[in-house]
Amino acid sequence: MAGGEEVISKRGIPATEVMEDVGEFLRKEGDISVEEGVKRIEESYRKYKFVEQQMVAQIERVSASLPDLKESLKILDQLEEQKKNEKPFEMLYLLSDQLFTKVRVDNPEKVHLWLGANVMVEYSLSEARAIIEKNLRQAENVIEEITKELDFVKDQITTTEVNIAHVYNYGVQQKRLESAK
C-alpha cells in the first residue's frame, strides 16, 4: 500500500496486496526461502478460506429466517383482512412441529409472537407487523452487509492465489538460473 497503510474491511479482515517483487517479499520476511514464502502465503490463504466458510454459513443461517418472517407477514395480512370482514373464521394453528389444529377466530385483535428463548409475547396486529417488518429489514441488511464482506474476502483469496503462483514461479525461475550457471 502507498504510505504503508493497511486496508482492513468493516469486520477487521486485512487486505492482501498483489506481490510485485517476490525477492523483496522474501527479504522483508527475513530472507526466507521460496518454500517458506509459499507456506506463509498459504497460511493466509487458509485463513481467508475459513472466514469465507464462516460468512457463507452465517448468510445461510440468516437467510433461513426470511421465509418464516415473510409467511408471518402474510398471516398478518389475512388476519387484518378477516378483521375487516367482522365474521368469525377458521384457520390452522401450528401447535408443534408437524402438528396443526383448527381454531375459530371471532375477532382477531392480538397475536402472540415467539421472541426466542421460549418467550412468547402478545401484541396487537399493528405492533406485531412493525416487529416482524423490522426483523425482516434487519435480516436483509445483515445478508447484504455480509455479502459485501464476502466479496471482499473472495477478492483477497484470488489475490492470495496469484501471490502463491508468483512465489512458486519465482522459485522455478531461480532454479533455472542456478542450473544454467
C-alpha atoms as a PDB file:
ATOM      1  CA  MET A   1       0.000   0.000   0.000  1.00  0.00           C
ATOM      2  CA  ALA A   2       1.101   3.555  -0.545  1.00  0.00           C
ATOM      3  CA  GLY A   3       2.431   5.043   2.639  1.00  0.00           C
ATOM      4  CA  GLY A   4       2.374   1.691   4.426  1.00  0.00           C
ATOM      5  CA  GLU A   5      -1.362   1.883   5.177  1.00  0.00           C
ATOM      6  CA  GLU A   6      -3.105  -1.450   5.594  1.00  0.00           C
ATOM      7  CA  VAL A   7      -6.616  -1.826   4.209  1.00  0.00           C
ATOM      8  CA  ILE A   8      -8.995  -3.543   6.621  1.00  0.00           C
ATOM      9  CA  SER A   9     -12.637  -4.448   5.992  1.00  0.00           C
ATOM     10  CA  LYS A  10     -15.500  -3.458   8.315  1.00  0.00           C
ATOM     11  CA  ARG A  11     -15.119  -6.804  10.065  1.00  0.00           C
ATOM     12  CA  GLY A  12     -11.401  -6.279  10.600  1.00  0.00           C
ATOM     13  CA  ILE A  13     -10.256  -8.569   7.799  1.00  0.00           C
ATOM     14  CA  PRO A  14      -6.916  -7.370   6.440  1.00  0.00           C
ATOM     15  CA  ALA A  15      -6.461  -6.924   2.710  1.00  0.00           C
ATOM     16  CA  THR A  16      -3.624  -8.629   0.912  1.00  0.00           C
ATOM     17  CA  GLU A  17      -1.538  -6.867  -1.700  1.00  0.00           C
ATOM     18  CA  VAL A  18      -0.610  -8.118  -5.129  1.00  0.00           C
ATOM     19  CA  MET A  19       3.023  -9.100  -4.844  1.00  0.00           C
ATOM     20  CA  GLU A  20       5.050  -7.042  -7.321  1.00  0.00           C
ATOM     21  CA  ASP A  21       8.555  -8.110  -6.269  1.00  0.00           C
ATOM     22  CA  VAL A  22       8.872 -11.619  -4.863  1.00  0.00           C
ATOM     23  CA  GLY A  23      12.543 -11.160  -3.999  1.00  0.00           C
ATOM     24  CA  GLU A  24      11.694  -8.092  -1.915  1.00  0.00           C
ATOM     25  CA  PHE A  25       8.891 -10.007  -0.177  1.00  0.00           C
ATOM     26  CA  LEU A  26      11.250 -12.855   0.740  1.00  0.00           C
ATOM     27  CA  ARG A  27      13.819 -10.357   2.101  1.00  0.00           C
ATOM     28  CA  LYS A  28      11.181  -8.438   4.114  1.00  0.00           C
ATOM     29  CA  GLU A  29      10.015 -11.704   5.655  1.00  0.00           C
ATOM     30  CA  GLY A  30      13.536 -12.339   6.957  1.00  0.00           C
ATOM     31  CA  ASP A  31      15.412 -13.724   3.950  1.00  0.00           C
ATOM     32  CA  ILE A  32      13.216 -16.791   3.859  1.00  0.00           C
ATOM     33  CA  SER A  33      13.278 -19.490   1.200  1.00  0.00           C
ATOM     34  CA  VAL A  34      10.760 -19.718  -1.616  1.00  0.00           C
ATOM     35  CA  GLU A  35       9.212 -22.769   0.068  1.00  0.00           C
ATOM     36  CA  GLU A  36       8.824 -20.865   3.338  1.00  0.00           C
ATOM     37  CA  GLY A  37       7.330 -17.915   1.431  1.00  0.00           C
ATOM     38  CA  VAL A  38       4.766 -20.201  -0.191  1.00  0.00           C
ATOM     39  CA  LYS A  39       3.941 -21.707   3.231  1.00  0.00           C
ATOM     40  CA  ARG A  40       3.346 -18.274   4.763  1.00  0.00           C
ATOM     41  CA  ILE A  41       1.102 -17.159   1.933  1.00  0.00           C
ATOM     42  CA  GLU A  42      -0.770 -20.487   2.026  1.00  0.00           C
ATOM     43  CA  GLU A  43      -1.393 -19.880   5.732  1.00  0.00           C
ATOM     44  CA  SER A  44      -3.077 -16.572   4.863  1.00  0.00           C
ATOM     45  CA  TYR A  45      -4.986 -18.384   2.133  1.00  0.00           C
ATOM     46  CA  ARG A  46      -6.310 -20.942   4.631  1.00  0.00           C
ATOM     47  CA  LYS A  47      -7.394 -18.133   6.973  1.00  0.00           C
ATOM     48  CA  TYR A  48      -9.286 -16.365   4.191  1.00  0.00           C
ATOM     49  CA  LYS A  49     -10.960 -19.644   3.176  1.00  0.00           C
ATOM     50  CA  PHE A  50     -12.024 -20.228   6.800  1.00  0.00           C
ATOM     51  CA  VAL A  51     -13.502 -16.719   7.028  1.00  0.00           C
ATOM     52  CA  GLU A  52     -15.278 -17.317   3.708  1.00  0.00           C
ATOM     53  CA  GLN A  53     -16.836 -20.530   5.042  1.00  0.00           C
ATOM     54  CA  GLN A  54     -17.980 -18.766   8.213  1.00  0.00           C
ATOM     55  CA  MET A  55     -19.595 -15.950   6.232  1.00  0.00           C
ATOM     56  CA  VAL A  56     -21.379 -18.346   3.887  1.00  0.00           C
ATOM     57  CA  ALA A  57     -22.715 -20.251   6.905  1.00  0.00           C
ATOM     58  CA  GLN A  58     -23.878 -17.005   8.523  1.00  0.00           C
ATOM     59  CA  ILE A  59     -25.667 -15.924   5.331  1.00  0.00           C
ATOM     60  CA  GLU A  60     -27.380 -19.326   5.191  1.00  0.00           C
ATOM     61  CA  ARG A  61     -28.483 -19.067   8.849  1.00  0.00           C
ATOM     62  CA  VAL A  62     -29.941 -15.586   8.430  1.00  0.00           C
ATOM     63  CA  SER A  63     -31.488 -16.466   5.055  1.00  0.00           C
ATOM     64  CA  ALA A  64     -33.261 -19.406   6.680  1.00  0.00           C
ATOM     65  CA  SER A  65     -35.304 -16.970   8.794  1.00  0.00           C
ATOM     66  CA  LEU A  66     -36.567 -14.950   5.811  1.00  0.00           C
ATOM     67  CA  PRO A  67     -39.317 -17.369   4.669  1.00  0.00           C
ATOM     68  CA  ASP A  68     -40.756 -17.535   8.204  1.00  0.00           C
ATOM     69  CA  LEU A  69     -40.804 -13.757   8.510  1.00  0.00           C
ATOM     70  CA  LYS A  70     -42.459 -13.361   5.110  1.00  0.00           C
ATOM     71  CA  GLU A  71     -45.003 -16.056   5.949  1.00  0.00           C
ATOM     72  CA  SER A  72     -45.765 -14.283   9.242  1.00  0.00           C
ATOM     73  CA  LEU A  73     -46.485 -11.083   7.324  1.00  0.00           C
ATOM     74  CA  LYS A  74     -48.856 -12.987   5.013  1.00  0.00           C
ATOM     75  CA  ILE A  75     -50.682 -14.383   8.026  1.00  0.00           C
ATOM     76  CA  LEU A  76     -50.993 -10.890   9.486  1.00  0.00           C
ATOM     77  CA  ASP A  77     -52.425  -9.728   6.147  1.00  0.00           C
ATOM     78  CA  GLN A  78     -55.030 -12.484   6.354  1.00  0.00           C
ATOM     79  CA  LEU A  79     -55.887 -11.632   9.950  1.00  0.00           C
ATOM     80  CA  GLU A  80     -56.267  -7.941   9.138  1.00  0.00           C
ATOM     81  CA  GLU A  81     -58.458  -8.786   6.138  1.00  0.00           C
ATOM     82  CA  GLN A  82     -60.631 -11.085   8.253  1.00  0.00           C
ATOM     83  CA  LYS A  83     -60.881  -8.405  10.941  1.00  0.00           C
ATOM     84  CA  LYS A  84     -62.337  -6.017   8.338  1.00  0.00           C
ATOM     85  CA  ASN A  85     -64.947  -8.644   7.358  1.00  0.00           C
ATOM     86  CA  GLU A  86     -66.062  -8.896  11.002  1.00  0.00           C
ATOM     87  CA  LYS A  87     -67.003 -12.555  10.530  1.00  0.00           C
ATOM     88  CA  PRO A  88     -65.625 -15.481  12.518  1.00  0.00           C
ATOM     89  CA  PHE A  89     -63.313 -17.758  10.544  1.00  0.00           C
ATOM     90  CA  GLU A  90     -61.323 -20.943  10.984  1.00  0.00           C
ATOM     91  CA  MET A  91     -57.640 -21.409  10.410  1.00  0.00           C
ATOM     92  CA  LEU A  92     -54.966 -23.998  11.079  1.00  0.00           C
ATOM     93  CA  TYR A  93     -52.690 -23.292  14.015  1.00  0.00           C
ATOM     94  CA  LEU A  94     -49.243 -24.838  14.419  1.00  0.00           C
ATOM     95  CA  LEU A  95     -49.004 -26.448  17.861  1.00  0.00           C
ATOM     96  CA  SER A  96     -45.582 -28.005  17.364  1.00  0.00           C
ATOM     97  CA  ASP A  97     -43.501 -29.415  14.529  1.00  0.00           C
ATOM     98  CA  GLN A  98     -45.823 -31.175  12.086  1.00  0.00           C
ATOM     99  CA  LEU A  99     -48.839 -30.808  14.418  1.00  0.00           C
ATOM    100  CA  PHE A 100     -51.646 -28.430  13.483  1.00  0.00           C
ATOM    101  CA  THR A 101     -55.108 -27.832  14.914  1.00  0.00           C
ATOM    102  CA  LYS A 102     -58.123 -25.890  13.675  1.00  0.00           C
ATOM    103  CA  VAL A 103     -59.063 -22.802  15.610  1.00  0.00           C
ATOM    104  CA  ARG A 104     -62.028 -20.491  15.344  1.00  0.00           C
ATOM    105  CA  VAL A 105     -61.181 -16.794  15.406  1.00  0.00           C
ATOM    106  CA  ASP A 106     -64.034 -14.449  16.175  1.00  0.00           C
ATOM    107  CA  ASN A 107     -62.336 -11.068  16.152  1.00  0.00           C
ATOM    108  CA  PRO A 108     -58.574 -11.009  15.630  1.00  0.00           C
ATOM    109  CA  GLU A 109     -57.219  -8.204  17.790  1.00  0.00           C
ATOM    110  CA  LYS A 110     -53.971  -9.645  19.071  1.00  0.00           C
ATOM    111  CA  VAL A 111     -51.367 -12.220  18.121  1.00  0.00           C
ATOM    112  CA  HIS A 112     -48.618 -13.976  20.025  1.00  0.00           C
ATOM    113  CA  LEU A 113     -45.051 -13.840  18.735  1.00  0.00           C
ATOM    114  CA  TRP A 114     -42.211 -16.126  19.738  1.00  0.00           C
ATOM    115  CA  LEU A 115     -39.287 -13.898  20.636  1.00  0.00           C
ATOM    116  CA  GLY A 116     -36.875 -16.731  21.306  1.00  0.00           C
ATOM    117  CA  ALA A 117     -35.571 -18.404  24.456  1.00  0.00           C
ATOM    118  CA  ASN A 118     -39.059 -19.877  24.992  1.00  0.00           C
ATOM    119  CA  VAL A 119     -40.586 -16.409  25.352  1.00  0.00           C
ATOM    120  CA  MET A 120     -43.919 -15.565  23.738  1.00  0.00           C
ATOM    121  CA  VAL A 121     -45.427 -12.074  23.901  1.00  0.00           C
ATOM    122  CA  GLU A 122     -48.884 -10.829  22.953  1.00  0.00           C
ATOM    123  CA  TYR A 123     -49.054  -7.884  20.537  1.00  0.00           C
ATOM    124  CA  SER A 124     -51.724  -6.018  18.653  1.00  0.00           C
ATOM    125  CA  LEU A 125     -51.782  -6.740  14.922  1.00  0.00           C
ATOM    126  CA  SER A 126     -50.100  -3.419  14.108  1.00  0.00           C
ATOM    127  CA  GLU A 127     -47.396  -3.907  16.762  1.00  0.00           C
ATOM    128  CA  ALA A 128     -46.735  -7.430  15.503  1.00  0.00           C
ATOM    129  CA  ARG A 129     -46.463  -6.158  11.926  1.00  0.00           C
ATOM    130  CA  ALA A 130     -43.974  -3.471  12.974  1.00  0.00           C
ATOM    131  CA  ILE A 131     -41.815  -6.017  14.819  1.00  0.00           C
ATOM    132  CA  ILE A 132     -41.854  -8.570  12.008  1.00  0.00           C
ATOM    133  CA  GLU A 133     -41.130  -5.941   9.341  1.00  0.00           C
ATOM    134  CA  LYS A 134     -38.254  -4.598  11.449  1.00  0.00           C
ATOM    135  CA  ASN A 135     -36.820  -8.106  11.865  1.00  0.00           C
ATOM    136  CA  LEU A 136     -37.177  -8.742   8.131  1.00  0.00           C
ATOM    137  CA  ARG A 137     -35.364  -5.487   7.264  1.00  0.00           C
ATOM    138  CA  GLN A 138     -32.598  -6.283   9.744  1.00  0.00           C
ATOM    139  CA  ALA A 139     -32.138  -9.779   8.324  1.00  0.00           C
ATOM    140  CA  GLU A 140     -31.992  -8.434   4.762  1.00  0.00           C
ATOM    141  CA  ASN A 141     -29.483  -5.755   5.822  1.00  0.00           C
ATOM    142  CA  VAL A 142     -27.291  -8.336   7.559  1.00  0.00           C
ATOM    143  CA  ILE A 143     -27.318 -10.522   4.446  1.00  0.00           C
ATOM    144  CA  GLU A 144     -26.411  -7.534   2.265  1.00  0.00           C
ATOM    145  CA  GLU A 145     -23.567  -6.481   4.578  1.00  0.00           C
ATOM    146  CA  ILE A 146     -22.129  -9.981   4.872  1.00  0.00           C
ATOM    147  CA  THR A 147     -22.398 -10.462   1.101  1.00  0.00           C
ATOM    148  CA  LYS A 148     -20.307  -7.312   0.549  1.00  0.00           C
ATOM    149  CA  GLU A 149     -17.739  -8.557   3.059  1.00  0.00           C
ATOM    150  CA  LEU A 150     -17.788 -11.958   1.370  1.00  0.00           C
ATOM    151  CA  ASP A 151     -16.992 -10.302  -1.963  1.00  0.00           C
ATOM    152  CA  PHE A 152     -14.033  -8.583  -0.269  1.00  0.00           C
ATOM    153  CA  VAL A 153     -12.817 -11.912   1.154  1.00  0.00           C
ATOM    154  CA  LYS A 154     -13.157 -13.607  -2.239  1.00  0.00           C
ATOM    155  CA  ASP A 155     -11.028 -10.847  -3.768  1.00  0.00           C
ATOM    156  CA  GLN A 156      -8.397 -11.479  -1.083  1.00  0.00           C
ATOM    157  CA  ILE A 157      -8.495 -15.216  -1.810  1.00  0.00           C
ATOM    158  CA  THR A 158      -7.914 -14.552  -5.513  1.00  0.00           C
ATOM    159  CA  THR A 159      -5.062 -12.154  -4.766  1.00  0.00           C
ATOM    160  CA  THR A 160      -3.515 -14.685  -2.383  1.00  0.00           C
ATOM    161  CA  GLU A 161      -3.742 -17.419  -5.033  1.00  0.00           C
ATOM    162  CA  VAL A 162      -1.987 -15.112  -7.503  1.00  0.00           C
ATOM    163  CA  ASN A 163       0.704 -14.375  -4.907  1.00  0.00           C
ATOM    164  CA  ILE A 164       1.272 -18.096  -4.302  1.00  0.00           C
ATOM    165  CA  ALA A 165       1.732 -18.556  -8.057  1.00  0.00           C
ATOM    166  CA  HIS A 166       4.145 -15.580  -8.189  1.00  0.00           C
ATOM    167  CA  VAL A 167       6.322 -17.005  -5.418  1.00  0.00           C
ATOM    168  CA  TYR A 168       6.244 -20.513  -6.880  1.00  0.00           C
ATOM    169  CA  ASN A 169       7.143 -19.216 -10.368  1.00  0.00           C
ATOM    170  CA  TYR A 170       9.907 -17.094  -8.843  1.00  0.00           C
ATOM    171  CA  GLY A 171      11.324 -20.259  -7.270  1.00  0.00           C
ATOM    172  CA  VAL A 172      11.207 -22.100 -10.608  1.00  0.00           C
ATOM    173  CA  GLN A 173      12.908 -19.154 -12.292  1.00  0.00           C
ATOM    174  CA  GLN A 174      15.642 -19.067  -9.621  1.00  0.00           C
ATOM    175  CA  LYS A 175      16.297 -22.808 -10.023  1.00  0.00           C
ATOM    176  CA  ARG A 176      16.618 -22.379 -13.798  1.00  0.00           C
ATOM    177  CA  LEU A 177      19.090 -19.546 -13.321  1.00  0.00           C
ATOM    178  CA  GLU A 178      21.148 -21.625 -10.886  1.00  0.00           C
ATOM    179  CA  SER A 179      21.176 -24.670 -13.164  1.00  0.00           C
ATOM    180  CA  ALA A 180      22.201 -22.506 -16.147  1.00  0.00           C
ATOM    181  CA  LYS A 181      25.355 -21.368 -14.327  1.00  0.00           C
END
